[in-house]
Protein backbone atom coordinates (compact mmCIF):
# COMPACT_ATOMS: atom_id res chain seq x y z
CA MET A 1 21.14 27.65 -18.54
CA ILE A 2 23.65 25.68 -16.47
CA GLU A 3 22.69 22.16 -15.10
CA GLN A 4 22.52 20.76 -11.85
CA VAL A 5 26.01 22.55 -10.42
CA ILE A 6 27.48 20.04 -7.07
CA ILE A 7 28.99 21.42 -3.96
CA SER A 8 32.10 19.87 -3.00
CA ASP A 9 32.84 19.38 0.47
CA GLN A 10 35.41 22.54 0.71
CA GLU A 11 32.77 24.99 -0.54
CA PHE A 12 29.98 23.58 1.87
CA LEU A 13 32.05 24.45 4.69
CA LEU A 14 33.14 28.17 3.31
CA PHE A 15 28.73 28.83 3.32
CA GLN A 16 28.36 26.96 6.52
CA ARG A 17 30.47 29.22 7.83
CA LEU A 18 29.57 32.43 6.32
CA ILE A 19 25.25 31.76 7.87
CA HIS A 20 26.69 30.80 10.95
CA LYS A 21 28.88 34.40 10.82
CA LEU A 22 25.56 36.26 9.38
CA ALA A 23 23.08 34.74 11.08
CA GLY A 24 24.35 32.49 14.30
CA ILE A 25 23.07 29.50 12.00
CA ASN A 26 24.79 25.75 12.70
CA LEU A 27 24.39 24.53 9.00
CA ALA A 28 24.75 21.21 10.02
CA ASP A 29 26.64 18.69 7.32
CA SER A 30 23.52 17.14 6.62
CA LYS A 31 21.57 20.58 5.05
CA LYS A 32 24.26 20.13 2.18
CA VAL A 33 21.22 18.49 0.04
CA LEU A 34 18.73 21.15 1.55
CA LEU A 35 21.65 23.93 0.35
CA VAL A 36 22.40 23.25 -3.25
CA GLY A 37 17.76 23.10 -3.69
CA ARG A 38 17.20 26.52 -2.65
CA LEU A 39 20.86 28.17 -3.65
CA GLN A 40 20.55 26.02 -6.87
CA ARG A 41 18.01 28.95 -8.72
CA ARG A 42 20.50 32.06 -7.60
CA LEU A 43 23.57 30.42 -9.66
CA ARG A 44 21.20 30.34 -12.91
CA GLU A 45 20.34 33.68 -12.10
CA ARG A 46 23.81 35.12 -11.89
CA GLN A 47 25.05 32.68 -14.70
CA LEU A 48 27.54 31.33 -12.18
CA ASP A 49 29.13 27.87 -13.03
CA SER A 50 30.26 26.71 -9.38
CA PHE A 51 29.14 27.68 -5.69
CA GLY A 52 32.55 28.69 -5.21
CA GLN A 53 31.74 32.05 -7.63
CA TYR A 54 29.00 32.35 -5.85
CA TYR A 55 30.37 32.51 -2.59
CA ARG A 56 33.55 35.17 -3.54
CA GLN A 57 30.35 37.39 -4.91
CA LEU A 58 28.74 36.91 -1.72
CA THR A 59 31.33 38.12 0.84
CA SER A 60 32.95 40.85 -1.99
CA GLY A 61 30.86 43.49 -0.34
CA GLN A 62 29.48 44.27 -3.84
CA HIS A 63 26.47 42.46 -3.88
CA PRO A 64 24.45 43.11 -0.39
CA ASP A 65 21.13 42.49 -1.60
CA GLU A 66 22.54 39.19 -2.68
CA VAL A 67 23.41 38.80 0.83
CA GLN A 68 20.25 39.21 2.34
CA THR A 69 18.66 36.80 -0.53
CA MET A 70 20.72 34.20 0.54
CA ILE A 71 20.01 34.52 4.38
CA ASP A 72 16.26 34.48 3.29
CA LEU A 73 16.56 31.32 1.35
CA LEU A 74 18.27 29.75 4.07
CA THR A 75 16.71 30.70 6.83
CA THR A 76 12.97 30.22 5.90
CA ASN A 77 10.98 28.16 8.66
CA GLU A 78 8.25 26.07 8.98
CA THR A 79 4.93 27.89 11.17
CA TYR A 80 1.12 28.27 11.92
CA PHE A 81 -1.51 29.71 13.93
CA PHE A 82 -1.80 28.75 18.00
CA ARG A 83 1.64 26.38 17.26
CA GLU A 84 2.15 24.66 20.85
CA SER A 85 -0.73 25.87 22.06
CA ARG A 86 0.12 25.50 25.70
CA HIS A 87 1.90 28.73 25.96
CA PHE A 88 -1.32 30.77 24.85
CA ASP A 89 -3.26 29.06 27.30
CA PHE A 90 0.14 29.87 29.69
CA LEU A 91 -0.36 33.58 28.83
CA ARG A 92 -3.73 33.72 28.93
CA ASP A 93 -4.37 31.74 32.00
CA GLU A 94 -1.24 32.98 34.08
CA ILE A 95 0.60 35.82 32.48
CA LEU A 96 -2.38 38.46 31.82
CA PRO A 97 -4.25 38.23 35.19
CA THR A 98 -1.44 38.53 37.00
CA ARG A 99 -0.04 42.12 35.08
CA ARG A 100 -0.83 44.63 37.81
CA PRO A 101 -3.73 46.80 35.76
CA GLY A 102 -2.46 49.80 33.39
CA GLY A 103 0.13 49.97 30.96
CA ASN A 104 1.00 49.53 27.46
CA VAL A 105 0.84 45.55 27.08
CA ARG A 106 4.00 44.95 24.65
CA ILE A 107 4.87 41.07 23.16
CA TRP A 108 7.77 40.52 21.42
CA SER A 109 7.84 37.76 19.06
CA ALA A 110 11.43 37.34 17.93
CA ALA A 111 11.60 34.67 15.34
CA SER A 112 8.08 35.36 13.73
CA SER A 113 8.93 34.01 10.16
CA SER A 114 5.71 34.77 7.96
CA GLY A 115 3.76 36.45 11.22
CA GLU A 116 1.45 33.35 12.44
CA GLU A 117 2.98 33.65 15.65
CA ALA A 118 2.59 37.37 15.94
CA TYR A 119 -0.97 37.38 14.62
CA SER A 120 -1.64 34.65 17.61
CA ILE A 121 -0.35 36.46 19.91
CA ALA A 122 -2.57 39.44 18.67
CA MET A 123 -5.90 37.69 18.68
CA LEU A 124 -5.65 36.82 22.12
CA LEU A 125 -4.19 40.02 23.08
CA ALA A 126 -7.57 41.42 21.68
CA GLU A 127 -9.53 39.26 23.34
CA ARG A 128 -8.21 39.36 26.60
CA LEU A 129 -7.69 43.16 26.30
CA PRO A 130 -10.29 44.79 25.05
CA HIS A 131 -9.93 47.67 26.86
CA THR A 132 -6.18 48.08 27.64
CA THR A 133 -3.46 49.03 24.96
CA TRP A 134 -1.42 46.89 23.79
CA GLU A 135 1.51 46.27 20.80
CA VAL A 136 3.16 42.75 19.40
CA PHE A 137 6.03 43.51 17.67
CA GLY A 138 7.57 40.62 15.54
CA SER A 139 10.68 40.15 14.18
CA ASP A 140 13.11 37.77 11.79
CA ILE A 141 16.00 38.34 10.68
CA SER A 142 14.63 37.09 6.33
CA THR A 143 13.46 40.23 4.89
CA GLN A 144 11.34 38.17 2.35
CA VAL A 145 9.29 36.35 4.96
CA LEU A 146 8.44 40.01 6.91
CA ALA A 147 7.32 41.19 3.90
CA ARG A 148 4.20 38.69 4.25
CA ALA A 149 3.93 38.56 7.58
CA ARG A 150 2.76 42.58 7.08
CA ALA A 151 0.99 41.58 4.30
CA GLY A 152 -1.50 39.03 6.58
CA LEU A 153 -2.22 37.14 3.72
CA TYR A 154 -2.36 33.50 3.80
CA PRO A 155 -4.23 30.20 2.49
CA LEU A 156 -7.41 29.31 3.35
CA GLN A 157 -5.82 25.90 4.73
CA ARG A 158 -3.73 27.69 7.30
CA ASN A 159 -6.52 28.78 9.09
CA GLU A 160 -6.09 25.61 11.72
CA GLY A 161 -5.67 26.44 15.14
CA ILE A 162 -7.05 29.32 14.87
CA PRO A 163 -10.17 29.51 17.54
CA GLU A 164 -13.23 29.99 15.85
CA ALA A 165 -14.03 32.88 17.50
CA CYS A 166 -11.23 34.66 16.19
CA LEU A 167 -11.89 33.39 13.02
CA ARG A 168 -15.18 35.05 12.56
CA LYS A 169 -13.96 38.17 14.33
CA TYR A 170 -10.42 38.87 12.63
CA CYS A 171 -9.74 36.63 10.04
CA LEU A 172 -11.63 38.30 6.41
CA GLN A 173 -12.94 35.72 3.60
CA GLY A 174 -13.93 37.07 0.10
CA ALA A 175 -13.47 40.00 -2.31
CA ALA A 176 -10.64 41.54 0.79
CA ALA A 177 -8.67 38.60 0.51
CA GLY A 178 -8.90 36.48 -2.89
CA PRO A 179 -10.32 32.85 -3.72
CA GLY A 180 -8.72 30.39 -1.71
CA ASN A 181 -6.91 32.68 1.09
CA PHE A 182 -8.32 34.85 4.02
CA LEU A 183 -6.47 38.79 5.59
CA ILE A 184 -5.91 39.33 9.09
CA ALA A 185 -8.19 42.03 9.78
CA PRO A 186 -7.00 45.35 9.61
CA LYS A 187 -7.64 46.44 13.37
CA ILE A 188 -5.68 43.33 14.30
CA ARG A 189 -2.63 44.14 11.91
CA GLN A 190 -2.51 47.93 12.96
CA GLN A 191 -1.28 46.49 16.38
CA VAL A 192 1.04 44.19 14.82
CA ARG A 193 4.41 45.65 14.03
CA PHE A 194 7.29 43.83 11.76
CA ALA A 195 11.01 44.82 11.89
CA GLN A 196 14.58 42.57 10.44
CA VAL A 197 16.28 41.61 13.83
CA ASN A 198 19.44 39.77 14.12
CA LEU A 199 19.72 38.04 17.26
CA THR A 200 22.59 37.52 17.51
CA GLN A 201 23.94 41.38 17.22
CA VAL A 202 23.41 43.69 19.90
CA ILE A 203 19.82 44.83 19.98
CA ASP A 204 18.48 48.36 19.71
CA PRO A 205 17.38 50.05 22.57
CA GLY A 206 15.01 51.66 20.61
CA ILE A 207 12.63 49.10 19.92
CA GLY A 208 11.88 48.98 23.15
CA SER A 209 10.89 46.81 26.03
CA PHE A 210 8.54 43.65 26.59
CA GLU A 211 6.50 42.02 29.40
CA VAL A 212 7.18 38.78 27.70
CA ILE A 213 9.19 37.87 24.24
CA PHE A 214 8.21 34.23 22.71
CA LEU A 215 11.83 33.39 21.15
CA ARG A 216 10.26 29.47 20.02
CA ASN A 217 12.09 26.98 17.81
CA VAL A 218 15.23 29.28 16.70
CA MET A 219 17.64 28.68 19.18
CA ILE A 220 17.66 24.48 17.86
CA TYR A 221 19.69 26.22 14.52
CA PHE A 222 22.30 27.11 17.13
CA ASP A 223 25.41 26.61 18.96
CA GLY A 224 25.71 26.68 22.73
CA GLU A 225 27.82 29.79 22.23
CA THR A 226 25.21 31.60 19.78
CA LYS A 227 22.25 30.34 22.24
CA ARG A 228 24.13 32.28 24.62
CA LYS A 229 24.99 35.07 22.42
CA VAL A 230 20.95 35.43 21.45
CA VAL A 231 19.74 35.06 25.16
CA ALA A 232 22.32 37.71 26.05
CA ASN A 233 21.22 40.11 23.69
CA LEU A 234 17.28 39.52 24.37
CA LEU A 235 17.57 40.34 28.30
CA PRO A 236 17.89 44.07 28.13
CA ARG A 237 14.54 44.46 26.15
CA LEU A 238 12.84 42.19 29.00
CA LEU A 239 11.02 43.79 31.41
CA PRO A 240 11.82 42.93 35.22
CA GLY A 241 8.92 39.89 36.07
CA GLY A 242 8.95 39.66 32.58
CA TYR A 243 8.48 36.02 30.94
CA LEU A 244 11.10 34.31 27.76
CA ILE A 245 8.88 31.19 25.99
CA VAL A 246 11.18 28.89 24.42
CA GLY A 247 9.96 26.26 21.90
CA HIS A 248 9.16 22.63 23.27
CA SER A 249 12.08 21.31 22.44
CA GLU A 250 14.09 24.22 23.69
CA SER A 251 15.76 25.07 27.01
CA LEU A 252 18.30 27.05 28.54
CA HIS A 253 20.27 24.41 30.81
CA GLY A 254 23.10 25.89 30.36
CA ILE A 255 22.47 29.07 28.32
CA SER A 256 21.65 31.79 31.28
CA ASP A 257 21.29 31.52 34.90
CA ARG A 258 19.63 34.93 35.03
CA LEU A 259 16.07 33.69 34.91
CA ALA A 260 14.12 31.28 37.24
CA GLN A 261 12.30 28.48 35.01
CA VAL A 262 8.52 28.72 36.16
CA ARG A 263 7.78 25.53 33.95
CA PRO A 264 9.25 23.60 31.22
CA THR A 265 10.09 26.26 27.90
CA ILE A 266 8.79 29.09 30.50
CA TYR A 267 11.58 31.30 32.33
CA ARG A 268 10.83 34.93 34.35
CA LYS A 269 13.31 37.74 35.19
CA PRO A 270 13.70 38.29 38.71
CA GLU A 271 11.69 41.89 39.57
């Protein structure tokens, strides 16, 4: 068992550059304590004496699983059901009633973390489009949070924000979920698909096209150049007339001129 390992300024700079290269994340100098706290255990488990040794392992090309573990540890973000509820109100009241009838509705939760956003969208679609086929696609760079999202199992205290009707219909308690938990019902889970996507890289056209893309509370971690790259990567996957929704503390001002602002944080691709 090794003692607490101190990270030097030079070592921290190496990790800042590495996580930016791999995930586009701009890790501020103030996050040094966070990085040490999240990666310390990996040094112990790999019996390493310094962050420099760990960095050399990560960049050797011989430990891709460990690189993914490092990404998981540094990109896990907090989320909750029906977060920033005005966006769900807009989806329910403005987007869905005005879409052309028929066809398969596809919505992308592009930074879905542990799945709460994707399942919130799915519950809303199940309520509003009972006779229309629909699909929610959730993606994240972290395989760790995607595994939790696919399971659809959450502590009971996480159900705050879920409308009462949705709780009754789409959230299972008791034997199905185990004590202290609730489980997203199979009829919702089977219409939500999760996959790993790195938004800073060219996106596989095979994921298809979407009427709405939620890109919320992730661009705050990117610098301007990375934000422009991410939005440019997403735009080919957004249907003409489709909506891109960002977090309440985010904006596309200076990021892209290919979308029209409908209201703050909500943008539309021209028809």
